[in-house]
Amino acid sequence: MEIELGTWPAKRMLFSCLAVLVLVGLALLGRGVTPVEADSPVVLTPARWAATSLSRQARAETERLQRDAGELRAFLAGPAGPDPVQAMLLAQRLYAGHRQGTSATAGARQALIDAAATAARYASAAASRDQAVIALNEALARIQVLAGPAPTSKAPTSEGALSRSFLALVLAGANDRRGVRPDLGAAP
């Protein structure tokens, strides 16, 4: 059996089937991406699209800020005498990575940049460890405001573990000379 596409009715049938398939595909795509408020679909206006886009961008920036704050924390929790060159490179990388972004994350970005600069000054003995830890805790507080409320589950999360680490870092910085090792553990 052969289908001859040279005739007009066969072409019309083929184009009709393709059009129906395209419409079904667009309907399924629309159902998946249409915003819903109060169990009712909402028309996606340009303002809503821009707000959603900015929200996604701010969430991505917040995740990067959390990751970089963890790296800075690991640097400060490291050996008693951090390498000044590594500290400066870390501070420059954080500055270059966070000097631009959404206005929603501006305060947290600036706090992290300031904490990195203070850590670099600490590594070169121009600032105390307590100043670096305080700057880092301030940056973490601003980042956690952006991240939203802490999860209510009992499972440990990276954010919760990060804040407990910073608290331990503050305590270790305050008790540095009384038997607490710089790696946050008790002295043997």
N, C-alpha and C. Protein backbone atom coordinates (compact mmCIF):
# COMPACT_ATOMS: atom_id res chain seq x y z
N MET A 1 0.84 -1.17 0.00
CA MET A 1 0.00 0.00 0.00
C MET A 1 0.89 1.23 0.00
N GLU A 2 0.63 2.16 -0.86
CA GLU A 2 1.42 3.36 -0.99
C GLU A 2 0.56 4.57 -0.68
N ILE A 3 1.21 5.55 -0.03
CA ILE A 3 0.53 6.82 0.22
C ILE A 3 1.18 7.83 -0.70
N GLU A 4 0.39 8.41 -1.51
CA GLU A 4 0.91 9.38 -2.46
C GLU A 4 0.69 10.77 -1.89
N LEU A 5 1.78 11.50 -1.69
CA LEU A 5 1.70 12.82 -1.11
C LEU A 5 1.56 13.91 -2.17
N GLY A 6 1.47 13.52 -3.38
CA GLY A 6 1.34 14.49 -4.46
C GLY A 6 -0.06 15.04 -4.56
N THR A 7 -1.03 14.39 -3.96
CA THR A 7 -2.41 14.86 -4.07
C THR A 7 -2.70 15.86 -2.94
N TRP A 8 -3.58 16.77 -3.23
CA TRP A 8 -3.92 17.82 -2.28
C TRP A 8 -4.58 17.30 -1.00
N PRO A 9 -5.50 16.36 -1.01
CA PRO A 9 -6.11 15.88 0.24
C PRO A 9 -5.09 15.19 1.16
N ALA A 10 -4.11 14.51 0.61
CA ALA A 10 -3.10 13.85 1.45
C ALA A 10 -2.22 14.90 2.13
N LYS A 11 -1.86 15.94 1.42
CA LYS A 11 -1.06 17.02 2.01
C LYS A 11 -1.86 17.72 3.11
N ARG A 12 -3.11 17.97 2.85
CA ARG A 12 -3.95 18.64 3.83
C ARG A 12 -4.07 17.80 5.10
N MET A 13 -4.21 16.50 4.95
CA MET A 13 -4.31 15.59 6.10
C MET A 13 -2.99 15.59 6.89
N LEU A 14 -1.87 15.54 6.20
CA LEU A 14 -0.57 15.55 6.85
C LEU A 14 -0.36 16.85 7.62
N PHE A 15 -0.65 17.99 7.02
CA PHE A 15 -0.50 19.28 7.70
C PHE A 15 -1.47 19.41 8.87
N SER A 16 -2.65 18.89 8.73
CA SER A 16 -3.62 18.93 9.83
C SER A 16 -3.13 18.11 11.02
N CYS A 17 -2.58 16.94 10.77
CA CYS A 17 -2.04 16.10 11.85
C CYS A 17 -0.87 16.79 12.54
N LEU A 18 0.02 17.40 11.76
CA LEU A 18 1.15 18.12 12.34
C LEU A 18 0.68 19.30 13.17
N ALA A 19 -0.32 20.03 12.69
CA ALA A 19 -0.84 21.18 13.43
C ALA A 19 -1.46 20.73 14.75
N VAL A 20 -2.19 19.63 14.76
CA VAL A 20 -2.80 19.11 15.98
C VAL A 20 -1.70 18.69 16.96
N LEU A 21 -0.66 18.02 16.47
CA LEU A 21 0.43 17.62 17.35
C LEU A 21 1.15 18.83 17.95
N VAL A 22 1.37 19.87 17.17
CA VAL A 22 2.01 21.08 17.67
C VAL A 22 1.13 21.74 18.73
N LEU A 23 -0.17 21.82 18.50
CA LEU A 23 -1.07 22.43 19.48
C LEU A 23 -1.12 21.63 20.78
N VAL A 24 -1.14 20.31 20.69
CA VAL A 24 -1.13 19.47 21.89
C VAL A 24 0.19 19.67 22.65
N GLY A 25 1.29 19.73 21.94
CA GLY A 25 2.58 19.96 22.58
C GLY A 25 2.64 21.31 23.28
N LEU A 26 2.13 22.35 22.63
CA LEU A 26 2.10 23.68 23.25
C LEU A 26 1.19 23.71 24.48
N ALA A 27 0.07 22.99 24.40
CA ALA A 27 -0.84 22.93 25.55
C ALA A 27 -0.16 22.25 26.74
N LEU A 28 0.53 21.15 26.48
CA LEU A 28 1.24 20.46 27.57
C LEU A 28 2.36 21.32 28.14
N LEU A 29 3.08 22.01 27.28
CA LEU A 29 4.14 22.90 27.74
C LEU A 29 3.55 24.04 28.57
N GLY A 30 2.46 24.63 28.11
CA GLY A 30 1.81 25.71 28.85
C GLY A 30 1.32 25.27 30.21
N ARG A 31 0.79 24.07 30.29
CA ARG A 31 0.30 23.54 31.57
C ARG A 31 1.46 23.38 32.55
N GLY A 32 2.61 23.01 32.05
CA GLY A 32 3.77 22.80 32.92
C GLY A 32 4.42 24.07 33.41
N VAL A 33 4.35 25.15 32.66
CA VAL A 33 5.07 26.37 33.04
C VAL A 33 4.17 27.52 33.47
N THR A 34 2.87 27.35 33.42
CA THR A 34 1.96 28.43 33.81
C THR A 34 1.98 28.61 35.32
N PRO A 35 2.17 29.85 35.80
CA PRO A 35 2.14 30.07 37.26
C PRO A 35 0.74 29.86 37.80
N VAL A 36 0.68 29.32 39.02
CA VAL A 36 -0.60 29.02 39.66
C VAL A 36 -0.62 29.70 41.02
N GLU A 37 -1.69 30.45 41.28
CA GLU A 37 -1.90 31.08 42.58
C GLU A 37 -3.30 30.71 43.06
N ALA A 38 -3.38 30.21 44.27
CA ALA A 38 -4.65 29.80 44.87
C ALA A 38 -5.36 28.79 43.98
N ASP A 39 -4.64 27.81 43.52
CA ASP A 39 -5.16 26.73 42.69
C ASP A 39 -5.83 27.22 41.41
N SER A 40 -5.40 28.36 40.92
CA SER A 40 -5.95 28.91 39.69
C SER A 40 -4.82 29.43 38.82
N PRO A 41 -4.81 29.07 37.53
CA PRO A 41 -3.74 29.58 36.66
C PRO A 41 -3.82 31.09 36.52
N VAL A 42 -2.64 31.71 36.41
CA VAL A 42 -2.54 33.16 36.32
C VAL A 42 -1.89 33.51 34.98
N VAL A 43 -2.37 34.59 34.38
CA VAL A 43 -1.78 35.05 33.12
C VAL A 43 -0.37 35.56 33.41
N LEU A 44 0.56 35.12 32.61
CA LEU A 44 1.95 35.50 32.80
C LEU A 44 2.21 36.82 32.08
N THR A 45 2.28 37.89 32.88
CA THR A 45 2.52 39.23 32.33
C THR A 45 4.02 39.48 32.29
N PRO A 46 4.46 40.48 31.56
CA PRO A 46 5.89 40.80 31.54
C PRO A 46 6.43 41.15 32.93
N ALA A 47 5.64 41.82 33.75
CA ALA A 47 6.10 42.15 35.10
C ALA A 47 6.28 40.89 35.93
N ARG A 48 5.34 39.95 35.82
CA ARG A 48 5.45 38.69 36.56
C ARG A 48 6.65 37.89 36.07
N TRP A 49 6.88 37.90 34.78
CA TRP A 49 8.03 37.19 34.21
C TRP A 49 9.33 37.78 34.75
N ALA A 50 9.42 39.12 34.81
CA ALA A 50 10.62 39.77 35.31
C ALA A 50 10.83 39.47 36.79
N ALA A 51 9.75 39.47 37.56
CA ALA A 51 9.85 39.17 38.99
C ALA A 51 10.31 37.74 39.21
N THR A 52 9.78 36.81 38.44
CA THR A 52 10.18 35.41 38.56
C THR A 52 11.64 35.23 38.16
N SER A 53 12.05 35.91 37.12
CA SER A 53 13.43 35.83 36.67
C SER A 53 14.38 36.39 37.73
N LEU A 54 14.04 37.53 38.32
CA LEU A 54 14.87 38.11 39.38
C LEU A 54 14.92 37.21 40.61
N SER A 55 13.80 36.57 40.91
CA SER A 55 13.76 35.65 42.05
C SER A 55 14.69 34.47 41.83
N ARG A 56 14.66 33.89 40.64
CA ARG A 56 15.56 32.78 40.31
C ARG A 56 17.01 33.22 40.38
N GLN A 57 17.30 34.40 39.86
CA GLN A 57 18.68 34.91 39.87
C GLN A 57 19.14 35.15 41.31
N ALA A 58 18.28 35.72 42.15
CA ALA A 58 18.65 35.96 43.55
C ALA A 58 18.87 34.64 44.29
N ARG A 59 18.06 33.63 44.00
CA ARG A 59 18.23 32.32 44.64
C ARG A 59 19.57 31.70 44.24
N ALA A 60 19.93 31.82 42.96
CA ALA A 60 21.21 31.28 42.50
C ALA A 60 22.38 32.03 43.16
N GLU A 61 22.25 33.35 43.28
CA GLU A 61 23.30 34.13 43.93
C GLU A 61 23.42 33.76 45.40
N THR A 62 22.30 33.51 46.05
CA THR A 62 22.32 33.12 47.46
C THR A 62 23.03 31.79 47.64
N GLU A 63 22.79 30.85 46.75
CA GLU A 63 23.47 29.56 46.83
C GLU A 63 24.98 29.72 46.64
N ARG A 64 25.39 30.59 45.70
CA ARG A 64 26.82 30.85 45.51
C ARG A 64 27.42 31.51 46.74
N LEU A 65 26.66 32.44 47.34
CA LEU A 65 27.15 33.11 48.55
C LEU A 65 27.33 32.10 49.68
N GLN A 66 26.39 31.18 49.82
CA GLN A 66 26.51 30.16 50.87
C GLN A 66 27.74 29.28 50.64
N ARG A 67 27.95 28.89 49.40
CA ARG A 67 29.10 28.05 49.08
C ARG A 67 30.41 28.78 49.36
N ASP A 68 30.49 30.05 48.96
CA ASP A 68 31.72 30.82 49.17
C ASP A 68 31.93 31.15 50.65
N ALA A 69 30.86 31.35 51.40
CA ALA A 69 30.99 31.57 52.83
C ALA A 69 31.53 30.31 53.51
N GLY A 70 31.11 29.16 53.04
CA GLY A 70 31.65 27.90 53.57
C GLY A 70 33.13 27.76 53.28
N GLU A 71 33.54 28.18 52.10
CA GLU A 71 34.97 28.13 51.74
C GLU A 71 35.78 29.09 52.61
N LEU A 72 35.24 30.27 52.86
CA LEU A 72 35.93 31.24 53.71
C LEU A 72 35.99 30.73 55.15
N ARG A 73 34.94 30.09 55.60
CA ARG A 73 34.93 29.49 56.93
C ARG A 73 35.99 28.41 57.05
N ALA A 74 36.11 27.58 56.03
CA ALA A 74 37.13 26.53 56.05
C ALA A 74 38.53 27.14 56.08
N PHE A 75 38.69 28.25 55.41
CA PHE A 75 39.99 28.94 55.41
C PHE A 75 40.32 29.44 56.81
N LEU A 76 39.32 30.07 57.47
CA LEU A 76 39.57 30.60 58.80
C LEU A 76 39.71 29.51 59.86
N ALA A 77 39.06 28.37 59.63
CA ALA A 77 39.14 27.28 60.60
C ALA A 77 40.38 26.44 60.38
N GLY A 78 41.13 26.74 59.35
CA GLY A 78 42.33 25.97 59.02
C GLY A 78 43.45 26.18 60.02
N PRO A 79 44.67 25.98 59.57
CA PRO A 79 45.83 26.09 60.46
C PRO A 79 45.92 27.46 61.12
N ALA A 80 46.66 27.51 62.22
CA ALA A 80 46.76 28.75 63.01
C ALA A 80 47.35 29.90 62.20
N GLY A 81 48.28 29.63 61.31
CA GLY A 81 48.90 30.68 60.51
C GLY A 81 48.52 30.54 59.05
N PRO A 82 47.37 31.10 58.59
CA PRO A 82 46.98 30.95 57.20
C PRO A 82 47.96 31.66 56.27
N ASP A 83 48.06 31.15 55.07
CA ASP A 83 48.97 31.71 54.07
C ASP A 83 48.42 33.04 53.55
N PRO A 84 49.15 34.14 53.67
CA PRO A 84 48.65 35.44 53.21
C PRO A 84 48.37 35.48 51.70
N VAL A 85 49.17 34.78 50.93
CA VAL A 85 48.96 34.77 49.47
C VAL A 85 47.65 34.06 49.14
N GLN A 86 47.41 32.91 49.77
CA GLN A 86 46.15 32.19 49.53
C GLN A 86 44.96 33.03 50.00
N ALA A 87 45.13 33.74 51.10
CA ALA A 87 44.05 34.58 51.61
C ALA A 87 43.73 35.71 50.63
N MET A 88 44.78 36.31 50.07
CA MET A 88 44.56 37.40 49.12
C MET A 88 43.91 36.88 47.84
N LEU A 89 44.36 35.72 47.37
CA LEU A 89 43.75 35.14 46.18
C LEU A 89 42.27 34.81 46.41
N LEU A 90 41.95 34.27 47.58
CA LEU A 90 40.56 33.97 47.92
C LEU A 90 39.74 35.25 47.97
N ALA A 91 40.27 36.29 48.60
CA ALA A 91 39.56 37.56 48.69
C ALA A 91 39.34 38.17 47.30
N GLN A 92 40.34 38.10 46.43
CA GLN A 92 40.18 38.64 45.08
C GLN A 92 39.16 37.84 44.28
N ARG A 93 39.18 36.51 44.43
CA ARG A 93 38.22 35.67 43.71
C ARG A 93 36.79 35.97 44.18
N LEU A 94 36.61 36.13 45.49
CA LEU A 94 35.27 36.43 46.00
C LEU A 94 34.82 37.82 45.55
N TYR A 95 35.74 38.77 45.53
CA TYR A 95 35.38 40.11 45.06
C TYR A 95 34.97 40.07 43.59
N ALA A 96 35.77 39.39 42.77
CA ALA A 96 35.46 39.33 41.34
C ALA A 96 34.15 38.58 41.09
N GLY A 97 33.87 37.56 41.86
CA GLY A 97 32.66 36.78 41.65
C GLY A 97 31.40 37.41 42.18
N HIS A 98 31.53 38.35 43.12
CA HIS A 98 30.33 38.89 43.77
C HIS A 98 30.19 40.40 43.67
N ARG A 99 30.94 41.04 42.81
CA ARG A 99 30.82 42.50 42.75
C ARG A 99 29.58 42.93 41.98
N GLN A 100 28.99 42.04 41.20
CA GLN A 100 27.76 42.36 40.48
C GLN A 100 26.70 41.33 40.81
N GLY A 101 25.45 41.77 40.78
CA GLY A 101 24.34 40.87 41.04
C GLY A 101 23.06 41.66 41.24
N THR A 102 22.05 40.98 41.74
CA THR A 102 20.77 41.64 41.96
C THR A 102 20.85 42.54 43.18
N SER A 103 19.96 43.50 43.25
CA SER A 103 19.94 44.41 44.39
C SER A 103 19.49 43.69 45.66
N ALA A 104 18.77 42.58 45.51
CA ALA A 104 18.30 41.84 46.69
C ALA A 104 19.45 41.23 47.47
N THR A 105 20.53 40.90 46.81
CA THR A 105 21.66 40.25 47.48
C THR A 105 22.83 41.20 47.73
N ALA A 106 22.64 42.49 47.47
CA ALA A 106 23.74 43.44 47.56
C ALA A 106 24.36 43.49 48.95
N GLY A 107 23.56 43.53 49.99
CA GLY A 107 24.09 43.60 51.35
C GLY A 107 24.88 42.37 51.73
N ALA A 108 24.37 41.20 51.38
CA ALA A 108 25.06 39.94 51.70
C ALA A 108 26.34 39.82 50.88
N ARG A 109 26.30 40.23 49.62
CA ARG A 109 27.51 40.17 48.79
C ARG A 109 28.59 41.06 49.36
N GLN A 110 28.22 42.29 49.75
CA GLN A 110 29.19 43.21 50.30
C GLN A 110 29.73 42.71 51.63
N ALA A 111 28.88 42.11 52.45
CA ALA A 111 29.34 41.57 53.73
C ALA A 111 30.34 40.43 53.52
N LEU A 112 30.09 39.59 52.53
CA LEU A 112 31.02 38.49 52.24
C LEU A 112 32.35 39.03 51.70
N ILE A 113 32.29 40.04 50.85
CA ILE A 113 33.51 40.65 50.33
C ILE A 113 34.31 41.28 51.47
N ASP A 114 33.61 41.96 52.39
CA ASP A 114 34.29 42.56 53.54
C ASP A 114 34.90 41.48 54.44
N ALA A 115 34.18 40.38 54.62
CA ALA A 115 34.71 39.29 55.45
C ALA A 115 35.95 38.69 54.80
N ALA A 116 35.95 38.55 53.48
CA ALA A 116 37.13 38.02 52.79
C ALA A 116 38.31 38.97 52.93
N ALA A 117 38.05 40.28 52.84
CA ALA A 117 39.13 41.26 53.00
C ALA A 117 39.67 41.23 54.43
N THR A 118 38.78 41.07 55.40
CA THR A 118 39.24 40.98 56.80
C THR A 118 40.04 39.70 57.02
N ALA A 119 39.63 38.61 56.39
CA ALA A 119 40.39 37.36 56.50
C ALA A 119 41.77 37.51 55.88
N ALA A 120 41.86 38.24 54.78
CA ALA A 120 43.16 38.48 54.16
C ALA A 120 44.04 39.35 55.06
N ARG A 121 43.43 40.34 55.70
CA ARG A 121 44.20 41.16 56.65
C ARG A 121 44.63 40.33 57.85
N TYR A 122 43.78 39.41 58.29
CA TYR A 122 44.16 38.52 59.40
C TYR A 122 45.34 37.63 59.00
N ALA A 123 45.33 37.13 57.78
CA ALA A 123 46.41 36.26 57.32
C ALA A 123 47.74 37.02 57.24
N SER A 124 47.65 38.32 56.98
CA SER A 124 48.89 39.11 56.92
C SER A 124 49.17 39.82 58.24
N ALA A 125 48.48 39.44 59.30
CA ALA A 125 48.68 39.94 60.67
C ALA A 125 48.30 41.41 60.83
N ALA A 126 47.43 41.92 59.96
CA ALA A 126 46.98 43.30 60.08
C ALA A 126 45.65 43.39 60.82
N ALA A 127 45.04 42.26 61.10
CA ALA A 127 43.78 42.21 61.85
C ALA A 127 43.80 40.98 62.75
N SER A 128 42.96 40.99 63.76
CA SER A 128 42.92 39.84 64.66
C SER A 128 41.98 38.76 64.10
N ARG A 129 42.14 37.56 64.60
CA ARG A 129 41.28 36.45 64.18
C ARG A 129 39.83 36.72 64.57
N ASP A 130 39.65 37.34 65.73
CA ASP A 130 38.29 37.66 66.19
C ASP A 130 37.59 38.60 65.22
N GLN A 131 38.31 39.58 64.67
CA GLN A 131 37.72 40.50 63.71
C GLN A 131 37.29 39.75 62.45
N ALA A 132 38.13 38.81 62.00
CA ALA A 132 37.80 38.03 60.81
C ALA A 132 36.57 37.15 61.06
N VAL A 133 36.51 36.55 62.23
CA VAL A 133 35.38 35.68 62.56
C VAL A 133 34.09 36.49 62.69
N ILE A 134 34.18 37.67 63.31
CA ILE A 134 33.00 38.53 63.45
C ILE A 134 32.49 38.96 62.08
N ALA A 135 33.39 39.34 61.19
CA ALA A 135 32.99 39.74 59.83
C ALA A 135 32.35 38.57 59.09
N LEU A 136 32.90 37.38 59.28
CA LEU A 136 32.34 36.20 58.63
C LEU A 136 30.96 35.87 59.19
N ASN A 137 30.78 35.99 60.49
CA ASN A 137 29.47 35.73 61.09
C ASN A 137 28.43 36.74 60.62
N GLU A 138 28.84 37.98 60.45
CA GLU A 138 27.92 39.00 59.93
C GLU A 138 27.50 38.66 58.50
N ALA A 139 28.46 38.23 57.70
CA ALA A 139 28.13 37.84 56.32
C ALA A 139 27.18 36.65 56.32
N LEU A 140 27.44 35.67 57.18
CA LEU A 140 26.57 34.50 57.24
C LEU A 140 25.16 34.89 57.66
N ALA A 141 25.04 35.80 58.62
CA ALA A 141 23.72 36.24 59.06
C ALA A 141 22.95 36.88 57.91
N ARG A 142 23.62 37.69 57.12
CA ARG A 142 22.95 38.33 55.97
C ARG A 142 22.58 37.31 54.90
N ILE A 143 23.42 36.33 54.70
CA ILE A 143 23.13 35.29 53.70
C ILE A 143 21.96 34.45 54.15
N GLN A 144 21.89 34.13 55.45
CA GLN A 144 20.80 33.30 55.94
C GLN A 144 19.46 34.04 55.89
N VAL A 145 19.48 35.36 55.99
CA VAL A 145 18.25 36.13 55.82
C VAL A 145 17.72 35.93 54.40
N LEU A 146 18.63 35.92 53.43
CA LEU A 146 18.23 35.71 52.04
C LEU A 146 17.75 34.29 51.79
N ALA A 147 18.36 33.32 52.47
CA ALA A 147 18.03 31.92 52.25
C ALA A 147 16.66 31.56 52.82
N GLY A 148 16.12 32.38 53.70
CA GLY A 148 14.82 32.11 54.27
C GLY A 148 14.92 31.39 55.59
N PRO A 149 13.76 31.01 56.14
CA PRO A 149 13.76 30.35 57.44
C PRO A 149 14.42 28.98 57.37
N ALA A 150 14.96 28.57 58.49
CA ALA A 150 15.62 27.27 58.56
C ALA A 150 14.57 26.17 58.40
N PRO A 151 14.94 25.05 57.77
CA PRO A 151 14.00 23.96 57.61
C PRO A 151 13.59 23.40 58.97
N THR A 152 12.35 22.90 59.04
CA THR A 152 11.83 22.41 60.31
C THR A 152 12.13 20.95 60.54
N SER A 153 12.68 20.27 59.57
CA SER A 153 12.97 18.85 59.74
C SER A 153 14.16 18.66 60.68
N LYS A 154 14.25 17.46 61.24
CA LYS A 154 15.32 17.15 62.18
C LYS A 154 16.62 16.79 61.46
N ALA A 155 16.55 16.54 60.16
CA ALA A 155 17.75 16.16 59.41
C ALA A 155 18.69 17.35 59.30
N PRO A 156 19.99 17.14 59.48
CA PRO A 156 20.93 18.25 59.38
C PRO A 156 21.04 18.71 57.93
N THR A 157 21.06 20.01 57.75
CA THR A 157 21.23 20.58 56.42
C THR A 157 22.56 21.29 56.37
N SER A 158 22.97 21.61 55.17
CA SER A 158 24.25 22.29 55.03
C SER A 158 24.18 23.69 55.65
N GLU A 159 23.00 24.36 55.55
CA GLU A 159 22.88 25.68 56.15
C GLU A 159 22.98 25.59 57.67
N GLY A 160 22.27 24.63 58.27
CA GLY A 160 22.32 24.47 59.71
C GLY A 160 23.71 24.10 60.18
N ALA A 161 24.34 23.21 59.45
CA ALA A 161 25.70 22.81 59.81
C ALA A 161 26.64 24.00 59.67
N LEU A 162 26.41 24.84 58.67
CA LEU A 162 27.26 25.99 58.46
C LEU A 162 27.12 26.97 59.63
N SER A 163 25.89 27.22 60.10
CA SER A 163 25.74 28.17 61.19
C SER A 163 26.32 27.60 62.48
N ARG A 164 26.19 26.28 62.72
CA ARG A 164 26.80 25.69 63.90
C ARG A 164 28.32 25.79 63.81
N SER A 165 28.86 25.67 62.61
CA SER A 165 30.31 25.78 62.42
C SER A 165 30.77 27.18 62.76
N PHE A 166 30.01 28.19 62.35
CA PHE A 166 30.41 29.55 62.63
C PHE A 166 30.35 29.83 64.11
N LEU A 167 29.32 29.32 64.78
CA LEU A 167 29.25 29.50 66.22
C LEU A 167 30.46 28.84 66.88
N ALA A 168 30.80 27.65 66.43
CA ALA A 168 31.98 26.97 66.98
C ALA A 168 33.24 27.76 66.66
N LEU A 169 33.27 28.39 65.49
CA LEU A 169 34.43 29.18 65.11
C LEU A 169 34.59 30.39 66.02
N VAL A 170 33.48 31.01 66.38
CA VAL A 170 33.53 32.14 67.29
C VAL A 170 34.03 31.67 68.65
N LEU A 171 33.48 30.56 69.12
CA LEU A 171 33.91 30.05 70.42
C LEU A 171 35.38 29.66 70.39
N ALA A 172 35.84 29.07 69.30
CA ALA A 172 37.23 28.69 69.19
C ALA A 172 38.13 29.92 69.14
N GLY A 173 37.65 30.97 68.49
CA GLY A 173 38.44 32.19 68.43
C GLY A 173 38.54 32.85 69.79
N ALA A 174 37.47 32.77 70.58
CA ALA A 174 37.49 33.38 71.90
C ALA A 174 38.33 32.56 72.88
N ASN A 175 38.36 31.24 72.69
CA ASN A 175 39.07 30.36 73.61
C ASN A 175 40.35 29.82 73.00
N ASP A 176 40.90 30.52 72.06
CA ASP A 176 42.05 30.02 71.31
C ASP A 176 43.23 29.67 72.21
N ARG A 177 43.43 30.41 73.26
CA ARG A 177 44.61 30.21 74.11
C ARG A 177 44.31 29.33 75.32
N ARG A 178 43.07 28.80 75.41
CA ARG A 178 42.71 28.03 76.59
C ARG A 178 42.44 26.57 76.28
N GLY A 179 43.12 26.00 75.33
CA GLY A 179 43.02 24.57 75.10
C GLY A 179 42.16 24.16 73.94
N VAL A 180 41.68 25.09 73.10
CA VAL A 180 40.90 24.73 71.93
C VAL A 180 41.80 24.87 70.72
N ARG A 181 41.92 23.80 69.96
CA ARG A 181 42.80 23.84 68.78
C ARG A 181 42.15 24.67 67.69
N PRO A 182 42.93 25.21 66.76
CA PRO A 182 42.39 26.01 65.68
C PRO A 182 41.46 25.23 64.77
N ASP A 183 41.52 23.92 64.76
CA ASP A 183 40.63 23.14 63.89
C ASP A 183 39.29 22.89 64.57
N LEU A 184 38.98 23.63 65.64
CA LEU A 184 37.72 23.62 66.35
C LEU A 184 37.53 22.43 67.25
N GLY A 185 38.54 21.61 67.43
CA GLY A 185 38.41 20.47 68.32
C GLY A 185 39.10 20.77 69.65
N ALA A 186 38.79 20.00 70.65
CA ALA A 186 39.41 20.20 71.95
C ALA A 186 40.83 19.68 71.93
N ALA A 187 41.67 20.29 72.68
CA ALA A 187 43.07 19.87 72.75
C ALA A 187 43.16 18.53 73.47
N PRO A 188 44.08 17.65 73.02
CA PRO A 188 44.17 16.34 73.68
C PRO A 188 44.75 16.44 75.08
